[in-house]
Structures are given as C-alpha cells and as structure tokens.
Amino acid sequence: QVQLVESGGGLVQPGGSLSVSCVASGSAAILTVMGWYRQAPGKERELVATISRGGTANYADSAKGRFTISSDNAKKMVFLQMGSLKPEDTAVYYCYAKTLVRQREVWGQGTLVTVSS
C-alpha cells in the first residue's frame, strides 16, 4: 500500500517563494506519475502540476512560469518549487501518485500553503 506524505507548507508573503515535497513509502510499487493538486476553500480540487516517470512535466496554466515540479524516482519523491506566489495560491496542496500496476491513484493528506501579508 503506497502512502504519500507531504511536507513544507506554511505561510508566505505575496511575491514570495515556497517549496513543498512529498515522499512515497510503504510499497515497492512503481509510480508512473507523481504530482500536485490543490484545493482552495470553497473550491474543487484542481491540478497544479504532474511529472511522469520519464520526466515529462505538465502544468496548469496558473502554475506555468511560476512553479517548477521535479522528482527523484529512486527516492520516490516529488517536489514543487513555487515562486511569485499570490493570495489566490492559498490552498491545501495534495501530493498525487499513480501506480504502474492497476493504475491506482494515491493521495497524500495535504499540506496548507497560505499566501498572505
């Protein structure tokens, strides 16, 4: 059973930068995709960015040019570097992964990112 644990959320001022990370544990399952989604208060969960095992990154329009996703397949980790943060980036950021076998989707418990002065 794959488990995802996020870290690195917190409070940052508008225009600032913050990084979040996620590590997968509990299973030897191969992960084909890892990434980040977010859910702001009163809104639906939305894609931020994903990265394939081969290194292909996919970004939501809101993240392009400001956020960078990266991963370490050997360590089963995914990272999100966020810059030029805006108050509307405030949300719970969820780590996401998909397994090779059965294409099972796994979610972390989330880490809160608050952008406020």
C-alpha atoms as a PDB file:
ATOM      1  CA  GLN A   1       0.000   0.000   0.000  1.00  0.00           C
ATOM      2  CA  VAL A   2       1.572   3.252  -1.186  1.00  0.00           C
ATOM      3  CA  GLN A   3       1.411   6.141   1.240  1.00  0.00           C
ATOM      4  CA  LEU A   4       2.246   9.753   0.391  1.00  0.00           C
ATOM      5  CA  VAL A   5       3.477  12.233   2.970  1.00  0.00           C
ATOM      6  CA  GLU A   6       3.809  15.920   2.187  1.00  0.00           C
ATOM      7  CA  SER A   7       5.962  18.499   3.913  1.00  0.00           C
ATOM      8  CA  GLY A   8       6.961  22.105   3.523  1.00  0.00           C
ATOM      9  CA  GLY A   9       3.739  24.058   3.595  1.00  0.00           C
ATOM     10  CA  GLY A  10       3.382  27.255   5.560  1.00  0.00           C
ATOM     11  CA  LEU A  11       2.806  30.973   5.459  1.00  0.00           C
ATOM     12  CA  VAL A  12       4.483  33.146   2.860  1.00  0.00           C
ATOM     13  CA  GLN A  13       4.042  36.733   1.796  1.00  0.00           C
ATOM     14  CA  PRO A  14       2.733  37.652  -1.655  1.00  0.00           C
ATOM     15  CA  GLY A  15       5.547  37.572  -4.154  1.00  0.00           C
ATOM     16  CA  GLY A  16       7.492  35.111  -2.058  1.00  0.00           C
ATOM     17  CA  SER A  17       8.637  31.569  -2.683  1.00  0.00           C
ATOM     18  CA  LEU A  18       7.947  28.270  -1.016  1.00  0.00           C
ATOM     19  CA  SER A  19       8.741  24.635  -1.709  1.00  0.00           C
ATOM     20  CA  VAL A  20       6.745  21.567  -0.840  1.00  0.00           C
ATOM     21  CA  SER A  21       7.887  17.981  -1.073  1.00  0.00           C
ATOM     22  CA  CYS A  22       6.339  14.551  -0.960  1.00  0.00           C
ATOM     23  CA  VAL A  23       7.702  11.094  -0.372  1.00  0.00           C
ATOM     24  CA  ALA A  24       6.049   7.800  -1.203  1.00  0.00           C
ATOM     25  CA  SER A  25       6.528   4.869   1.107  1.00  0.00           C
ATOM     26  CA  GLY A  26       5.028   1.566   2.175  1.00  0.00           C
ATOM     27  CA  SER A  27       5.303  -0.288  -1.093  1.00  0.00           C
ATOM     28  CA  ALA A  28       7.717  -1.267  -3.841  1.00  0.00           C
ATOM     29  CA  ALA A  29       5.147  -0.213  -6.402  1.00  0.00           C
ATOM     30  CA  ILE A  30       6.451   1.654  -9.416  1.00  0.00           C
ATOM     31  CA  LEU A  31       4.899   5.075  -9.755  1.00  0.00           C
ATOM     32  CA  THR A  32       4.259   6.226 -13.298  1.00  0.00           C
ATOM     33  CA  VAL A  33       3.173   9.741 -12.397  1.00  0.00           C
ATOM     34  CA  MET A  34       3.614  11.959  -9.356  1.00  0.00           C
ATOM     35  CA  GLY A  35       2.355  15.445  -8.872  1.00  0.00           C
ATOM     36  CA  TRP A  36       0.453  18.099  -7.016  1.00  0.00           C
ATOM     37  CA  TYR A  37      -3.142  19.187  -6.842  1.00  0.00           C
ATOM     38  CA  ARG A  38      -4.610  21.888  -4.657  1.00  0.00           C
ATOM     39  CA  GLN A  39      -7.943  22.777  -3.126  1.00  0.00           C
ATOM     40  CA  ALA A  40      -8.771  26.287  -2.020  1.00  0.00           C
ATOM     41  CA  PRO A  41     -11.570  26.985   0.465  1.00  0.00           C
ATOM     42  CA  GLY A  42     -14.939  26.572  -1.204  1.00  0.00           C
ATOM     43  CA  LYS A  43     -13.432  25.334  -4.450  1.00  0.00           C
ATOM     44  CA  GLU A  44     -12.885  21.992  -6.120  1.00  0.00           C
ATOM     45  CA  ARG A  45      -9.539  20.245  -6.151  1.00  0.00           C
ATOM     46  CA  GLU A  46      -7.525  21.248  -9.199  1.00  0.00           C
ATOM     47  CA  LEU A  47      -4.358  20.223 -10.965  1.00  0.00           C
ATOM     48  CA  VAL A  48      -1.183  22.161 -10.224  1.00  0.00           C
ATOM     49  CA  ALA A  49       1.470  20.050 -11.920  1.00  0.00           C
ATOM     50  CA  THR A  50       2.408  16.466 -12.623  1.00  0.00           C
ATOM     51  CA  ILE A  51       5.575  14.777 -13.758  1.00  0.00           C
ATOM     52  CA  SER A  52       5.908  11.387 -15.393  1.00  0.00           C
ATOM     53  CA  ARG A  53       8.461   8.770 -14.517  1.00  0.00           C
ATOM     54  CA  GLY A  54      10.254   9.758 -17.691  1.00  0.00           C
ATOM     55  CA  GLY A  55      10.437  13.372 -16.596  1.00  0.00           C
ATOM     56  CA  THR A  56       7.695  14.943 -18.669  1.00  0.00           C
ATOM     57  CA  ALA A  57       6.079  17.769 -16.722  1.00  0.00           C
ATOM     58  CA  ASN A  58       2.565  19.081 -17.107  1.00  0.00           C
ATOM     59  CA  TYR A  59       1.438  22.361 -15.566  1.00  0.00           C
ATOM     60  CA  ALA A  60      -1.859  24.079 -15.016  1.00  0.00           C
ATOM     61  CA  ASP A  61      -1.978  27.472 -16.705  1.00  0.00           C
ATOM     62  CA  SER A  62      -1.983  29.118 -13.289  1.00  0.00           C
ATOM     63  CA  ALA A  63       1.332  27.458 -12.448  1.00  0.00           C
ATOM     64  CA  LYS A  64       3.213  27.968 -15.708  1.00  0.00           C
ATOM     65  CA  GLY A  65       6.185  30.254 -15.367  1.00  0.00           C
ATOM     66  CA  ARG A  66       5.924  30.414 -11.579  1.00  0.00           C
ATOM     67  CA  PHE A  67       6.066  26.838 -10.328  1.00  0.00           C
ATOM     68  CA  THR A  68       8.572  24.080 -11.079  1.00  0.00           C
ATOM     69  CA  ILE A  69       7.945  20.408 -10.473  1.00  0.00           C
ATOM     70  CA  SER A  70      10.732  17.871 -10.149  1.00  0.00           C
ATOM     71  CA  SER A  71      11.111  14.341  -8.923  1.00  0.00           C
ATOM     72  CA  ASP A  72      13.562  11.737  -7.736  1.00  0.00           C
ATOM     73  CA  ASN A  73      12.367   8.342  -8.948  1.00  0.00           C
ATOM     74  CA  ALA A  74      14.872   6.405  -6.870  1.00  0.00           C
ATOM     75  CA  LYS A  75      13.695   8.083  -3.681  1.00  0.00           C
ATOM     76  CA  LYS A  76      10.060   8.206  -4.818  1.00  0.00           C
ATOM     77  CA  MET A  77       9.909  11.885  -4.111  1.00  0.00           C
ATOM     78  CA  VAL A  78       8.295  14.803  -5.878  1.00  0.00           C
ATOM     79  CA  PHE A  79       8.980  18.462  -5.288  1.00  0.00           C
ATOM     80  CA  LEU A  80       7.159  21.664  -6.136  1.00  0.00           C
ATOM     81  CA  GLN A  81       9.007  24.959  -6.097  1.00  0.00           C
ATOM     82  CA  MET A  82       6.584  27.852  -6.072  1.00  0.00           C
ATOM     83  CA  GLY A  83       7.548  31.432  -6.840  1.00  0.00           C
ATOM     84  CA  SER A  84       5.822  34.775  -7.294  1.00  0.00           C
ATOM     85  CA  LEU A  85       3.127  33.491  -5.010  1.00  0.00           C
ATOM     86  CA  LYS A  86      -0.245  35.188  -4.958  1.00  0.00           C
ATOM     87  CA  PRO A  87      -3.005  35.166  -2.350  1.00  0.00           C
ATOM     88  CA  GLU A  88      -5.069  33.062  -4.754  1.00  0.00           C
ATOM     89  CA  ASP A  89      -2.447  30.327  -4.474  1.00  0.00           C
ATOM     90  CA  THR A  90      -3.619  29.784  -0.904  1.00  0.00           C
ATOM     91  CA  ALA A  91      -4.851  26.208  -0.683  1.00  0.00           C
ATOM     92  CA  VAL A  92      -4.231  22.771   0.688  1.00  0.00           C
ATOM     93  CA  TYR A  93      -1.706  21.152  -1.623  1.00  0.00           C
ATOM     94  CA  TYR A  94      -2.121  17.432  -2.127  1.00  0.00           C
ATOM     95  CA  CYS A  95       0.537  15.054  -3.349  1.00  0.00           C
ATOM     96  CA  TYR A  96      -0.663  12.616  -6.010  1.00  0.00           C
ATOM     97  CA  ALA A  97       0.732   9.440  -7.497  1.00  0.00           C
ATOM     98  CA  LYS A  98      -0.388   6.758  -9.891  1.00  0.00           C
ATOM     99  CA  THR A  99       0.912   3.217  -9.719  1.00  0.00           C
ATOM    100  CA  LEU A 100       2.062   1.216 -12.726  1.00  0.00           C
ATOM    101  CA  VAL A 101       0.121  -1.870 -11.692  1.00  0.00           C
ATOM    102  CA  ARG A 102      -3.643  -1.351 -11.840  1.00  0.00           C
ATOM    103  CA  GLN A 103      -3.144   2.419 -12.401  1.00  0.00           C
ATOM    104  CA  ARG A 104      -4.164   3.040  -8.820  1.00  0.00           C
ATOM    105  CA  GLU A 105      -4.364   6.683  -7.751  1.00  0.00           C
ATOM    106  CA  VAL A 106      -2.990   7.616  -4.354  1.00  0.00           C
ATOM    107  CA  TRP A 107      -3.353  10.873  -2.442  1.00  0.00           C
ATOM    108  CA  GLY A 108      -1.498  12.436   0.442  1.00  0.00           C
ATOM    109  CA  GLN A 109      -3.229  14.128   3.353  1.00  0.00           C
ATOM    110  CA  GLY A 110      -2.299  17.595   2.167  1.00  0.00           C
ATOM    111  CA  THR A 111      -0.202  20.482   3.362  1.00  0.00           C
ATOM    112  CA  LEU A 112      -1.530  24.003   3.771  1.00  0.00           C
ATOM    113  CA  VAL A 113       0.056  26.858   1.870  1.00  0.00           C
ATOM    114  CA  THR A 114      -1.095  30.320   2.885  1.00  0.00           C
ATOM    115  CA  VAL A 115      -0.093  33.391   0.913  1.00  0.00           C
ATOM    116  CA  SER A 116      -0.832  36.485   2.935  1.00  0.00           C
ATOM    117  CA  SER A 117       0.759  39.670   4.165  1.00  0.00           C
END
